[in-house]
Amino acid sequence: MNLIEYLKEEKAKVSTYPMEKKLLYLADYYALWIIGILFVLIFLVYLIYHMFFAIKENWLYATFVNVMPEDRVVTEIREDFSDYGGYNLKEKNIVLNTSSYFDASMQGGTNNTYFEVFVAAVEAGDLDIAIMEEDNLKAVGASGRLLDLSKNEMFAAYEDLFVYCTPYDEEYKAEVPVGIDISSSILVSKYHLYPEECVLGIGAYAEHTDTVIAFLTTLAYLDKENI
């Protein structure tokens, strides 16, 4: 018996059942098939959407390391930045990653998949901003994964807030600035993402340094507005 004949026979058999028995019969014999077909359809819709309709470019990609904020806090930070900076979220994304947990300043503190994802984002040029506590950032910066701020005049205005590290690379004979102390920003005072201190570093291959400046400006402006 081929598939068409089988389906005709099943249809004829089920047609004689009352509605309740039809539903029970379908649940008993075809539930897994129905679930499987629905799963495939949902996956195809998801795939088509992300291939052809989802926004793929970013205004900014920021990672907040070792924080566990409520979803509403992340939403408010994104809205603060997009509203003040005039960034249209229908054109590009503002990615605020708060699912990253590692401590490069501790032995074995980077032996996890979170750090691997972080490094991959840096190497791909996707990561624009990394925010974490000072010792952690210094250790990440020493590995060469953060931008040397002295090589970009855009950050000269923040020189008094620079955080320095000694690179592992022996080519560097002195400490280099790899972070900006933003402990007085709204990330601490308003949103309490960090209890006391936090430092902002820029990915070594970041492509949106102009947006990073806008992010820093937003933090400073809103700090004065809300404290």
N, C-alpha and C. Protein backbone atom coordinates (compact mmCIF):
# COMPACT_ATOMS: atom_id res chain seq x y z
N MET A 1 0.85 -1.20 0.00
CA MET A 1 0.00 0.00 0.00
C MET A 1 0.89 1.25 0.00
N ASN A 2 0.65 2.15 -0.97
CA ASN A 2 1.45 3.37 -0.99
C ASN A 2 0.85 4.41 -0.06
N LEU A 3 1.55 5.55 0.06
CA LEU A 3 1.16 6.58 1.01
C LEU A 3 -0.21 7.16 0.71
N ILE A 4 -0.50 7.39 -0.56
CA ILE A 4 -1.79 7.98 -0.93
C ILE A 4 -2.95 7.05 -0.55
N GLU A 5 -2.78 5.77 -0.86
CA GLU A 5 -3.82 4.80 -0.51
C GLU A 5 -3.99 4.71 1.00
N TYR A 6 -2.87 4.75 1.73
CA TYR A 6 -2.94 4.69 3.20
C TYR A 6 -3.70 5.88 3.77
N LEU A 7 -3.41 7.08 3.25
CA LEU A 7 -4.08 8.27 3.74
C LEU A 7 -5.57 8.25 3.43
N LYS A 8 -5.93 7.73 2.23
CA LYS A 8 -7.35 7.62 1.89
C LYS A 8 -8.07 6.68 2.83
N GLU A 9 -7.41 5.56 3.16
CA GLU A 9 -8.01 4.58 4.06
C GLU A 9 -8.19 5.16 5.45
N GLU A 10 -7.16 5.90 5.93
CA GLU A 10 -7.23 6.53 7.25
C GLU A 10 -8.35 7.58 7.29
N LYS A 11 -8.45 8.37 6.21
CA LYS A 11 -9.49 9.40 6.16
C LYS A 11 -10.87 8.78 6.21
N ALA A 12 -11.07 7.69 5.46
CA ALA A 12 -12.36 7.01 5.44
C ALA A 12 -12.68 6.45 6.81
N LYS A 13 -11.68 5.88 7.48
CA LYS A 13 -11.91 5.27 8.79
C LYS A 13 -12.25 6.33 9.84
N VAL A 14 -11.48 7.42 9.85
CA VAL A 14 -11.68 8.46 10.85
C VAL A 14 -12.99 9.22 10.63
N SER A 15 -13.43 9.30 9.38
CA SER A 15 -14.66 10.05 9.08
C SER A 15 -15.89 9.45 9.75
N THR A 16 -15.82 8.18 10.13
CA THR A 16 -16.96 7.53 10.78
C THR A 16 -16.97 7.76 12.28
N TYR A 17 -15.89 8.33 12.82
CA TYR A 17 -15.79 8.53 14.27
C TYR A 17 -16.47 9.83 14.67
N PRO A 18 -17.02 9.88 15.90
CA PRO A 18 -17.49 11.18 16.42
C PRO A 18 -16.28 12.08 16.68
N MET A 19 -16.52 13.39 16.82
CA MET A 19 -15.43 14.36 16.92
C MET A 19 -14.46 14.05 18.05
N GLU A 20 -14.98 13.69 19.21
CA GLU A 20 -14.11 13.42 20.36
C GLU A 20 -13.17 12.25 20.07
N LYS A 21 -13.70 11.21 19.45
CA LYS A 21 -12.88 10.05 19.13
C LYS A 21 -11.87 10.38 18.04
N LYS A 22 -12.26 11.24 17.07
CA LYS A 22 -11.32 11.67 16.04
C LYS A 22 -10.10 12.35 16.65
N LEU A 23 -10.36 13.26 17.61
CA LEU A 23 -9.28 13.99 18.25
C LEU A 23 -8.36 13.07 19.03
N LEU A 24 -8.96 12.13 19.76
CA LEU A 24 -8.16 11.17 20.53
C LEU A 24 -7.32 10.29 19.60
N TYR A 25 -7.91 9.88 18.48
CA TYR A 25 -7.20 9.04 17.52
C TYR A 25 -6.00 9.79 16.93
N LEU A 26 -6.23 11.04 16.53
CA LEU A 26 -5.15 11.85 15.97
C LEU A 26 -4.04 12.08 16.99
N ALA A 27 -4.44 12.33 18.27
CA ALA A 27 -3.46 12.55 19.32
C ALA A 27 -2.63 11.30 19.57
N ASP A 28 -3.28 10.14 19.54
CA ASP A 28 -2.58 8.88 19.82
C ASP A 28 -1.62 8.49 18.71
N TYR A 29 -2.04 8.66 17.46
CA TYR A 29 -1.27 8.11 16.35
C TYR A 29 -0.45 9.13 15.56
N TYR A 30 -0.83 10.42 15.65
CA TYR A 30 -0.17 11.39 14.79
C TYR A 30 0.42 12.60 15.54
N ALA A 31 0.39 12.56 16.87
CA ALA A 31 0.87 13.71 17.65
C ALA A 31 2.33 14.04 17.32
N LEU A 32 3.18 13.02 17.29
CA LEU A 32 4.60 13.26 17.02
C LEU A 32 4.83 13.81 15.61
N TRP A 33 4.04 13.29 14.65
CA TRP A 33 4.15 13.80 13.28
C TRP A 33 3.75 15.28 13.22
N ILE A 34 2.65 15.59 13.90
CA ILE A 34 2.16 16.98 13.89
C ILE A 34 3.17 17.91 14.54
N ILE A 35 3.72 17.49 15.69
CA ILE A 35 4.73 18.30 16.38
C ILE A 35 5.95 18.49 15.50
N GLY A 36 6.37 17.41 14.84
CA GLY A 36 7.54 17.49 13.96
C GLY A 36 7.33 18.45 12.80
N ILE A 37 6.16 18.38 12.19
CA ILE A 37 5.85 19.27 11.06
C ILE A 37 5.80 20.73 11.52
N LEU A 38 5.18 20.96 12.69
CA LEU A 38 5.11 22.32 13.23
C LEU A 38 6.51 22.86 13.52
N PHE A 39 7.36 22.01 14.08
CA PHE A 39 8.74 22.42 14.39
C PHE A 39 9.48 22.82 13.11
N VAL A 40 9.32 22.03 12.07
CA VAL A 40 9.99 22.32 10.80
C VAL A 40 9.48 23.64 10.22
N LEU A 41 8.16 23.85 10.28
CA LEU A 41 7.58 25.09 9.76
C LEU A 41 8.07 26.31 10.53
N ILE A 42 8.11 26.19 11.87
CA ILE A 42 8.59 27.30 12.71
C ILE A 42 10.06 27.60 12.40
N PHE A 43 10.85 26.53 12.25
CA PHE A 43 12.27 26.71 11.95
C PHE A 43 12.45 27.40 10.59
N LEU A 44 11.65 27.00 9.60
CA LEU A 44 11.76 27.61 8.27
C LEU A 44 11.39 29.08 8.30
N VAL A 45 10.33 29.42 9.05
CA VAL A 45 9.92 30.82 9.18
C VAL A 45 11.03 31.62 9.85
N TYR A 46 11.59 31.06 10.93
CA TYR A 46 12.69 31.72 11.65
C TYR A 46 13.89 31.94 10.74
N LEU A 47 14.24 30.90 9.96
CA LEU A 47 15.40 30.97 9.06
C LEU A 47 15.19 32.01 7.97
N ILE A 48 14.01 32.00 7.36
CA ILE A 48 13.71 32.96 6.28
C ILE A 48 13.74 34.39 6.81
N TYR A 49 13.16 34.58 8.02
CA TYR A 49 13.13 35.92 8.62
C TYR A 49 14.54 36.44 8.84
N HIS A 50 15.41 35.60 9.43
CA HIS A 50 16.77 36.05 9.75
C HIS A 50 17.64 36.18 8.51
N MET A 51 17.32 35.45 7.47
CA MET A 51 18.11 35.55 6.24
C MET A 51 17.75 36.78 5.42
N PHE A 52 16.45 37.13 5.42
CA PHE A 52 16.01 38.16 4.48
C PHE A 52 15.44 39.42 5.14
N PHE A 53 15.01 39.34 6.39
CA PHE A 53 14.30 40.48 6.98
C PHE A 53 14.94 41.03 8.25
N ALA A 54 15.67 40.21 9.01
CA ALA A 54 16.24 40.67 10.28
C ALA A 54 17.34 41.71 10.04
N ILE A 55 17.46 42.66 10.96
CA ILE A 55 18.50 43.69 10.87
C ILE A 55 19.82 43.04 11.28
N LYS A 56 20.82 43.15 10.41
CA LYS A 56 22.09 42.46 10.65
C LYS A 56 23.20 43.41 11.10
N GLU A 57 23.11 44.68 10.75
CA GLU A 57 24.17 45.63 11.10
C GLU A 57 23.91 46.26 12.47
N ASN A 58 24.99 46.71 13.11
CA ASN A 58 24.90 47.29 14.44
C ASN A 58 25.34 48.75 14.45
N TRP A 59 24.65 49.54 15.27
CA TRP A 59 25.18 50.84 15.62
C TRP A 59 26.32 50.66 16.61
N LEU A 60 26.11 49.69 17.52
CA LEU A 60 27.06 49.47 18.60
C LEU A 60 26.89 48.07 19.15
N TYR A 61 28.02 47.44 19.49
CA TYR A 61 27.99 46.14 20.18
C TYR A 61 28.80 46.30 21.46
N ALA A 62 28.12 46.24 22.60
CA ALA A 62 28.77 46.40 23.90
C ALA A 62 28.57 45.17 24.75
N THR A 63 29.64 44.75 25.44
CA THR A 63 29.56 43.63 26.37
C THR A 63 29.81 44.14 27.79
N PHE A 64 28.90 43.83 28.68
CA PHE A 64 29.04 44.16 30.10
C PHE A 64 29.42 42.86 30.81
N VAL A 65 30.62 42.82 31.35
CA VAL A 65 31.14 41.57 31.92
C VAL A 65 30.80 41.47 33.41
N ASN A 66 30.34 40.28 33.80
CA ASN A 66 30.07 39.94 35.20
C ASN A 66 28.97 40.80 35.82
N VAL A 67 27.88 40.96 35.10
CA VAL A 67 26.70 41.65 35.64
C VAL A 67 25.47 40.77 35.42
N MET A 68 24.46 41.01 36.23
CA MET A 68 23.21 40.25 36.09
C MET A 68 22.03 41.21 36.25
N PRO A 69 21.86 42.14 35.31
CA PRO A 69 20.78 43.12 35.42
C PRO A 69 19.43 42.55 35.03
N GLU A 70 18.38 43.22 35.47
CA GLU A 70 17.04 42.87 35.02
C GLU A 70 16.89 43.31 33.56
N ASP A 71 16.00 42.63 32.85
CA ASP A 71 15.80 42.95 31.43
C ASP A 71 15.39 44.41 31.23
N ARG A 72 14.59 44.93 32.15
CA ARG A 72 14.12 46.32 32.00
C ARG A 72 15.28 47.31 32.06
N VAL A 73 16.32 46.97 32.86
CA VAL A 73 17.48 47.86 32.98
C VAL A 73 18.22 47.92 31.65
N VAL A 74 18.41 46.77 31.02
CA VAL A 74 19.09 46.72 29.72
C VAL A 74 18.29 47.52 28.69
N THR A 75 16.97 47.36 28.72
CA THR A 75 16.10 48.09 27.80
C THR A 75 16.22 49.59 28.01
N GLU A 76 16.26 50.02 29.27
CA GLU A 76 16.35 51.45 29.57
C GLU A 76 17.69 52.03 29.11
N ILE A 77 18.77 51.28 29.29
CA ILE A 77 20.08 51.75 28.84
C ILE A 77 20.08 51.92 27.32
N ARG A 78 19.52 50.93 26.64
CA ARG A 78 19.45 51.00 25.18
C ARG A 78 18.61 52.21 24.75
N GLU A 79 17.50 52.43 25.43
CA GLU A 79 16.63 53.57 25.07
C GLU A 79 17.31 54.90 25.38
N ASP A 80 17.99 54.98 26.52
CA ASP A 80 18.73 56.20 26.86
C ASP A 80 19.71 56.55 25.74
N PHE A 81 20.48 55.54 25.33
CA PHE A 81 21.51 55.78 24.32
C PHE A 81 20.91 56.09 22.96
N SER A 82 19.94 55.29 22.53
CA SER A 82 19.35 55.50 21.20
C SER A 82 18.60 56.83 21.13
N ASP A 83 17.90 57.20 22.19
CA ASP A 83 17.15 58.46 22.19
C ASP A 83 18.08 59.67 22.17
N TYR A 84 19.08 59.65 23.05
CA TYR A 84 19.99 60.80 23.13
C TYR A 84 20.85 60.91 21.87
N GLY A 85 21.29 59.77 21.36
CA GLY A 85 22.16 59.78 20.18
C GLY A 85 21.42 59.84 18.87
N GLY A 86 20.10 59.64 18.90
CA GLY A 86 19.31 59.69 17.68
C GLY A 86 19.51 58.48 16.78
N TYR A 87 19.70 57.30 17.39
CA TYR A 87 19.94 56.08 16.61
C TYR A 87 18.62 55.36 16.37
N ASN A 88 18.31 55.14 15.11
CA ASN A 88 17.07 54.47 14.72
C ASN A 88 17.27 52.96 14.79
N LEU A 89 16.57 52.31 15.71
CA LEU A 89 16.74 50.87 15.91
C LEU A 89 16.05 50.05 14.82
N LYS A 90 15.32 50.71 13.93
CA LYS A 90 14.75 50.00 12.78
C LYS A 90 15.78 49.89 11.65
N GLU A 91 16.84 50.66 11.75
CA GLU A 91 17.89 50.62 10.73
C GLU A 91 19.03 49.68 11.13
N LYS A 92 19.48 49.81 12.40
CA LYS A 92 20.57 48.99 12.90
C LYS A 92 20.31 48.65 14.37
N ASN A 93 21.05 47.67 14.87
CA ASN A 93 20.87 47.23 16.24
C ASN A 93 21.81 47.94 17.21
N ILE A 94 21.39 48.02 18.45
CA ILE A 94 22.29 48.34 19.55
C ILE A 94 22.32 47.11 20.43
N VAL A 95 23.41 46.37 20.37
CA VAL A 95 23.52 45.10 21.10
C VAL A 95 24.18 45.36 22.44
N LEU A 96 23.49 45.02 23.53
CA LEU A 96 24.03 45.14 24.88
C LEU A 96 24.07 43.74 25.48
N ASN A 97 25.23 43.12 25.41
CA ASN A 97 25.39 41.75 25.87
C ASN A 97 25.71 41.72 27.36
N THR A 98 24.82 41.18 28.16
CA THR A 98 25.05 41.08 29.61
C THR A 98 25.22 39.62 30.04
N SER A 99 25.53 38.76 29.10
CA SER A 99 25.73 37.33 29.41
C SER A 99 27.18 36.95 29.15
N SER A 100 28.07 37.57 29.91
CA SER A 100 29.49 37.30 29.76
C SER A 100 30.13 37.30 31.15
N TYR A 101 30.73 36.17 31.51
CA TYR A 101 31.24 36.00 32.87
C TYR A 101 32.65 35.41 32.83
N PHE A 102 33.63 36.23 33.15
CA PHE A 102 35.01 35.76 33.24
C PHE A 102 35.83 36.78 34.01
N ASP A 103 36.99 36.36 34.49
CA ASP A 103 37.91 37.26 35.18
C ASP A 103 39.32 36.95 34.72
N ALA A 104 39.81 37.73 33.78
CA ALA A 104 41.13 37.49 33.20
C ALA A 104 42.25 37.77 34.19
N SER A 105 41.94 38.42 35.32
CA SER A 105 42.98 38.73 36.30
C SER A 105 43.25 37.56 37.24
N MET A 106 42.43 36.54 37.17
CA MET A 106 42.59 35.38 38.05
C MET A 106 43.09 34.18 37.25
N GLN A 107 43.87 33.33 37.89
CA GLN A 107 44.34 32.12 37.24
C GLN A 107 43.14 31.21 36.95
N GLY A 108 43.00 30.81 35.69
CA GLY A 108 41.87 29.97 35.30
C GLY A 108 40.57 30.73 35.11
N GLY A 109 40.62 32.06 35.26
CA GLY A 109 39.40 32.86 35.18
C GLY A 109 38.84 33.03 33.78
N THR A 110 39.60 32.56 32.79
CA THR A 110 39.13 32.66 31.40
C THR A 110 38.87 31.29 30.78
N ASN A 111 38.89 30.27 31.61
CA ASN A 111 38.68 28.91 31.09
C ASN A 111 37.19 28.59 31.00
N ASN A 112 36.50 29.33 30.17
CA ASN A 112 35.07 29.08 29.98
C ASN A 112 34.65 29.56 28.60
N THR A 113 33.47 29.14 28.20
CA THR A 113 32.98 29.48 26.85
C THR A 113 32.64 30.97 26.73
N TYR A 114 32.33 31.62 27.86
CA TYR A 114 32.02 33.05 27.81
C TYR A 114 33.23 33.83 27.28
N PHE A 115 34.41 33.48 27.78
CA PHE A 115 35.61 34.19 27.33
C PHE A 115 35.91 33.86 25.87
N GLU A 116 35.67 32.63 25.47
CA GLU A 116 35.88 32.24 24.07
C GLU A 116 34.98 33.06 23.14
N VAL A 117 33.72 33.25 23.55
CA VAL A 117 32.78 34.07 22.75
C VAL A 117 33.26 35.51 22.71
N PHE A 118 33.74 36.01 23.85
CA PHE A 118 34.25 37.37 23.94
C PHE A 118 35.42 37.57 22.97
N VAL A 119 36.37 36.65 22.99
CA VAL A 119 37.55 36.73 22.12
C VAL A 119 37.13 36.66 20.66
N ALA A 120 36.19 35.78 20.35
CA ALA A 120 35.71 35.66 18.97
C ALA A 120 35.10 36.97 18.48
N ALA A 121 34.34 37.64 19.35
CA ALA A 121 33.72 38.92 18.98
C ALA A 121 34.79 39.99 18.76
N VAL A 122 35.84 39.97 19.58
CA VAL A 122 36.94 40.92 19.40
C VAL A 122 37.65 40.68 18.08
N GLU A 123 38.03 39.42 17.85
CA GLU A 123 38.81 39.08 16.66
C GLU A 123 38.02 39.34 15.37
N ALA A 124 36.71 39.18 15.44
CA ALA A 124 35.87 39.41 14.26
C ALA A 124 35.62 40.89 14.01
N GLY A 125 35.99 41.74 14.97
CA GLY A 125 35.74 43.17 14.83
C GLY A 125 34.32 43.56 15.21
N ASP A 126 33.57 42.62 15.78
CA ASP A 126 32.18 42.90 16.15
C ASP A 126 32.09 43.71 17.43
N LEU A 127 32.97 43.43 18.39
CA LEU A 127 32.89 44.06 19.70
C LEU A 127 33.43 45.48 19.65
N ASP A 128 32.61 46.43 20.03
CA ASP A 128 33.02 47.83 20.09
C ASP A 128 33.45 48.21 21.50
N ILE A 129 32.64 47.82 22.48
CA ILE A 129 32.87 48.23 23.86
C ILE A 129 32.88 47.01 24.77
N ALA A 130 33.82 47.02 25.72
CA ALA A 130 33.82 46.03 26.79
C ALA A 130 33.89 46.78 28.10
N ILE A 131 32.92 46.53 28.98
CA ILE A 131 32.88 47.21 30.27
C ILE A 131 33.01 46.17 31.38
N MET A 132 33.93 46.43 32.30
CA MET A 132 34.17 45.49 33.40
C MET A 132 34.93 46.21 34.50
N GLU A 133 35.23 45.49 35.57
CA GLU A 133 35.99 46.09 36.65
C GLU A 133 37.46 46.22 36.23
N GLU A 134 38.18 47.11 36.92
CA GLU A 134 39.50 47.54 36.45
C GLU A 134 40.52 46.41 36.29
N ASP A 135 40.69 45.57 37.30
CA ASP A 135 41.70 44.51 37.22
C ASP A 135 41.43 43.56 36.05
N ASN A 136 40.18 43.26 35.85
CA ASN A 136 39.78 42.38 34.76
C ASN A 136 40.14 43.02 33.41
N LEU A 137 39.81 44.31 33.28
CA LEU A 137 40.07 45.00 32.01
C LEU A 137 41.57 45.12 31.75
N LYS A 138 42.34 45.39 32.78
CA LYS A 138 43.80 45.50 32.60
C LYS A 138 44.37 44.19 32.06
N ALA A 139 43.88 43.08 32.60
CA ALA A 139 44.38 41.77 32.16
C ALA A 139 43.99 41.50 30.71
N VAL A 140 42.76 41.87 30.33
CA VAL A 140 42.33 41.70 28.94
C VAL A 140 43.15 42.61 28.04
N GLY A 141 43.37 43.84 28.47
CA GLY A 141 44.16 44.78 27.68
C GLY A 141 45.60 44.33 27.49
N ALA A 142 46.17 43.70 28.51
CA ALA A 142 47.55 43.24 28.43
C ALA A 142 47.73 42.18 27.35
N SER A 143 46.65 41.48 27.01
CA SER A 143 46.72 40.43 25.99
C SER A 143 46.62 41.00 24.58
N GLY A 144 46.41 42.32 24.47
CA GLY A 144 46.34 42.95 23.15
C GLY A 144 44.97 42.95 22.53
N ARG A 145 43.95 42.64 23.30
CA ARG A 145 42.60 42.55 22.73
C ARG A 145 41.81 43.86 22.85
N LEU A 146 42.43 44.88 23.43
CA LEU A 146 41.77 46.18 23.54
C LEU A 146 42.60 47.24 22.84
N LEU A 147 41.92 48.26 22.36
CA LEU A 147 42.56 49.33 21.60
C LEU A 147 43.50 50.14 22.49
N ASP A 148 44.67 50.47 21.95
CA ASP A 148 45.59 51.41 22.60
C ASP A 148 45.03 52.81 22.36
N LEU A 149 44.46 53.41 23.40
CA LEU A 149 43.74 54.67 23.24
C LEU A 149 44.65 55.83 22.86
N SER A 150 45.94 55.70 23.12
CA SER A 150 46.87 56.78 22.77
C SER A 150 47.06 56.90 21.26
N LYS A 151 46.62 55.88 20.52
CA LYS A 151 46.78 55.89 19.07
C LYS A 151 45.55 56.44 18.33
N ASN A 152 44.57 56.90 19.10
CA ASN A 152 43.37 57.46 18.48
C ASN A 152 43.03 58.79 19.14
N GLU A 153 43.17 59.86 18.39
CA GLU A 153 42.97 61.20 18.95
C GLU A 153 41.54 61.44 19.42
N MET A 154 40.61 60.62 18.97
CA MET A 154 39.21 60.79 19.36
C MET A 154 39.03 60.65 20.87
N PHE A 155 39.93 59.92 21.52
CA PHE A 155 39.78 59.66 22.95
C PHE A 155 40.67 60.55 23.83
N ALA A 156 41.33 61.53 23.21
CA ALA A 156 42.23 62.41 23.96
C ALA A 156 41.51 63.18 25.05
N ALA A 157 40.25 63.49 24.84
CA ALA A 157 39.48 64.26 25.82
C ALA A 157 39.29 63.49 27.13
N TYR A 158 39.49 62.18 27.09
CA TYR A 158 39.29 61.36 28.28
C TYR A 158 40.61 60.94 28.92
N GLU A 159 41.69 61.62 28.55
CA GLU A 159 43.02 61.22 29.00
C GLU A 159 43.14 61.16 30.52
N ASP A 160 42.48 62.09 31.22
CA ASP A 160 42.55 62.10 32.68
C ASP A 160 41.90 60.88 33.30
N LEU A 161 41.09 60.17 32.53
CA LEU A 161 40.39 58.99 33.05
C LEU A 161 40.98 57.68 32.52
N PHE A 162 42.09 57.77 31.80
CA PHE A 162 42.69 56.57 31.22
C PHE A 162 43.11 55.57 32.30
N VAL A 163 42.93 54.29 31.97
CA VAL A 163 43.41 53.19 32.80
C VAL A 163 44.48 52.46 31.99
N TYR A 164 45.62 52.21 32.60
CA TYR A 164 46.78 51.68 31.89
C TYR A 164 47.06 50.22 32.27
N CYS A 165 47.73 49.54 31.35
CA CYS A 165 48.21 48.18 31.62
C CYS A 165 49.57 47.99 30.98
N THR A 166 50.28 46.97 31.42
CA THR A 166 51.56 46.61 30.81
C THR A 166 51.33 45.43 29.89
N PRO A 167 51.44 45.61 28.58
CA PRO A 167 51.17 44.52 27.63
C PRO A 167 52.15 43.36 27.79
N TYR A 168 51.66 42.15 27.48
CA TYR A 168 52.53 40.98 27.48
C TYR A 168 53.55 41.07 26.34
N ASP A 169 53.16 41.75 25.26
CA ASP A 169 54.03 41.90 24.10
C ASP A 169 55.23 42.75 24.48
N GLU A 170 56.44 42.19 24.35
CA GLU A 170 57.66 42.89 24.76
C GLU A 170 57.99 44.07 23.86
N GLU A 171 57.26 44.20 22.75
CA GLU A 171 57.47 45.35 21.87
C GLU A 171 57.15 46.65 22.59
N TYR A 172 56.21 46.58 23.54
CA TYR A 172 55.82 47.76 24.30
C TYR A 172 56.75 47.90 25.50
N LYS A 173 57.40 49.04 25.62
CA LYS A 173 58.37 49.26 26.69
C LYS A 173 57.73 49.94 27.90
N ALA A 174 56.51 50.41 27.75
CA ALA A 174 55.85 51.12 28.85
C ALA A 174 54.37 50.76 28.88
N GLU A 175 53.68 51.23 29.90
CA GLU A 175 52.25 50.98 30.01
C GLU A 175 51.50 51.72 28.90
N VAL A 176 50.39 51.15 28.49
CA VAL A 176 49.56 51.78 27.47
C VAL A 176 48.14 51.95 28.00
N PRO A 177 47.44 53.00 27.57
CA PRO A 177 46.06 53.21 28.02
C PRO A 177 45.10 52.29 27.25
N VAL A 178 44.36 51.47 27.98
CA VAL A 178 43.43 50.53 27.34
C VAL A 178 42.01 50.69 27.83
N GLY A 179 41.79 51.64 28.75
CA GLY A 179 40.44 51.80 29.29
C GLY A 179 40.17 53.22 29.75
N ILE A 180 38.90 53.50 29.93
CA ILE A 180 38.45 54.80 30.44
C ILE A 180 37.60 54.54 31.67
N ASP A 181 37.97 55.15 32.78
CA ASP A 181 37.23 54.95 34.03
C ASP A 181 35.88 55.67 33.93
N ILE A 182 34.81 54.89 33.99
CA ILE A 182 33.46 55.47 33.91
C ILE A 182 32.67 55.16 35.19
N SER A 183 33.41 55.09 36.31
CA SER A 183 32.77 54.76 37.59
C SER A 183 31.75 55.81 38.03
N SER A 184 31.90 57.05 37.52
CA SER A 184 30.96 58.11 37.90
C SER A 184 29.77 58.20 36.95
N SER A 185 29.65 57.27 36.04
CA SER A 185 28.58 57.32 35.04
C SER A 185 27.28 56.73 35.60
N ILE A 186 26.24 56.83 34.79
CA ILE A 186 24.94 56.30 35.20
C ILE A 186 24.93 54.77 35.30
N LEU A 187 25.92 54.10 34.73
CA LEU A 187 25.96 52.64 34.87
C LEU A 187 26.12 52.23 36.32
N VAL A 188 26.77 53.11 37.12
CA VAL A 188 26.92 52.87 38.55
C VAL A 188 25.86 53.63 39.35
N SER A 189 25.74 54.94 39.07
CA SER A 189 24.89 55.80 39.90
C SER A 189 23.39 55.59 39.70
N LYS A 190 23.00 55.29 38.47
CA LYS A 190 21.57 55.15 38.17
C LYS A 190 21.14 53.69 38.02
N TYR A 191 21.93 52.93 37.27
CA TYR A 191 21.53 51.56 36.96
C TYR A 191 22.17 50.51 37.86
N HIS A 192 23.19 50.91 38.61
CA HIS A 192 23.84 50.02 39.59
C HIS A 192 24.29 48.69 38.98
N LEU A 193 24.79 48.75 37.75
CA LEU A 193 25.32 47.54 37.13
C LEU A 193 26.56 47.06 37.86
N TYR A 194 27.35 48.02 38.33
CA TYR A 194 28.55 47.70 39.09
C TYR A 194 28.46 48.43 40.43
N PRO A 195 28.92 47.81 41.51
CA PRO A 195 28.73 48.42 42.83
C PRO A 195 29.53 49.70 43.04
N GLU A 196 30.76 49.77 42.52
CA GLU A 196 31.59 50.96 42.76
C GLU A 196 32.33 51.42 41.51
N GLU A 197 33.04 50.51 40.87
CA GLU A 197 33.90 50.92 39.77
C GLU A 197 33.57 50.15 38.50
N CYS A 198 33.81 50.78 37.37
CA CYS A 198 33.77 50.08 36.08
C CYS A 198 34.60 50.87 35.08
N VAL A 199 35.19 50.14 34.17
CA VAL A 199 36.08 50.73 33.17
C VAL A 199 35.63 50.29 31.79
N LEU A 200 35.69 51.20 30.85
CA LEU A 200 35.28 50.92 29.48
C LEU A 200 36.52 50.77 28.59
N GLY A 201 36.58 49.66 27.87
CA GLY A 201 37.63 49.46 26.89
C GLY A 201 37.01 49.31 25.51
N ILE A 202 37.80 49.55 24.48
CA ILE A 202 37.33 49.45 23.10
C ILE A 202 38.01 48.26 22.44
N GLY A 203 37.22 47.45 21.76
CA GLY A 203 37.77 46.29 21.08
C GLY A 203 38.91 46.66 20.15
N ALA A 204 39.94 45.81 20.09
CA ALA A 204 41.14 46.12 19.30
C ALA A 204 40.82 46.38 17.84
N TYR A 205 39.74 45.76 17.33
CA TYR A 205 39.40 45.92 15.91
C TYR A 205 38.01 46.53 15.74
N ALA A 206 37.59 47.32 16.72
CA ALA A 206 36.26 47.93 16.69
C ALA A 206 36.08 48.80 15.46
N GLU A 207 34.90 48.72 14.86
CA GLU A 207 34.62 49.47 13.64
C GLU A 207 33.75 50.71 13.88
N HIS A 208 33.23 50.85 15.11
CA HIS A 208 32.28 51.95 15.36
C HIS A 208 32.81 52.88 16.44
N THR A 209 34.06 53.35 16.29
CA THR A 209 34.63 54.22 17.32
C THR A 209 33.87 55.53 17.46
N ASP A 210 33.26 56.01 16.39
CA ASP A 210 32.46 57.24 16.49
C ASP A 210 31.25 57.01 17.40
N THR A 211 30.67 55.81 17.32
CA THR A 211 29.53 55.49 18.17
C THR A 211 29.97 55.30 19.61
N VAL A 212 31.19 54.83 19.81
CA VAL A 212 31.74 54.70 21.16
C VAL A 212 31.83 56.08 21.81
N ILE A 213 32.29 57.07 21.06
CA ILE A 213 32.35 58.44 21.58
C ILE A 213 30.96 58.92 21.96
N ALA A 214 29.98 58.62 21.12
CA ALA A 214 28.60 59.01 21.42
C ALA A 214 28.10 58.33 22.69
N PHE A 215 28.50 57.07 22.89
CA PHE A 215 28.11 56.34 24.09
C PHE A 215 28.72 57.01 25.33
N LEU A 216 29.98 57.39 25.25
CA LEU A 216 30.64 58.07 26.36
C LEU A 216 29.98 59.42 26.64
N THR A 217 29.64 60.14 25.59
CA THR A 217 28.97 61.43 25.73
C THR A 217 27.61 61.26 26.39
N THR A 218 26.91 60.22 25.99
CA THR A 218 25.59 59.93 26.57
C THR A 218 25.70 59.67 28.06
N LEU A 219 26.69 58.87 28.45
CA LEU A 219 26.88 58.56 29.87
C LEU A 219 27.15 59.83 30.66
N ALA A 220 28.00 60.69 30.14
CA ALA A 220 28.35 61.93 30.85
C ALA A 220 27.15 62.87 30.93
N TYR A 221 26.45 63.01 29.83
CA TYR A 221 25.30 63.92 29.78
C TYR A 221 24.19 63.47 30.72
N LEU A 222 23.84 62.22 30.63
CA LEU A 222 22.74 61.71 31.46
C LEU A 222 23.12 61.66 32.92
N ASP A 223 24.41 61.51 33.19
CA ASP A 223 24.88 61.53 34.58
C ASP A 223 24.53 62.87 35.22
N LYS A 224 24.77 63.97 34.49
CA LYS A 224 24.46 65.29 35.02
C LYS A 224 22.95 65.51 35.11
N GLU A 225 22.22 64.88 34.19
CA GLU A 225 20.77 65.07 34.16
C GLU A 225 20.07 64.35 35.32
N ASN A 226 20.64 63.24 35.75
CA ASN A 226 19.89 62.36 36.66
C ASN A 226 20.44 62.30 38.08
N ILE A 227 21.56 62.94 38.36
CA ILE A 227 22.12 62.87 39.72
C ILE A 227 21.78 64.13 40.48
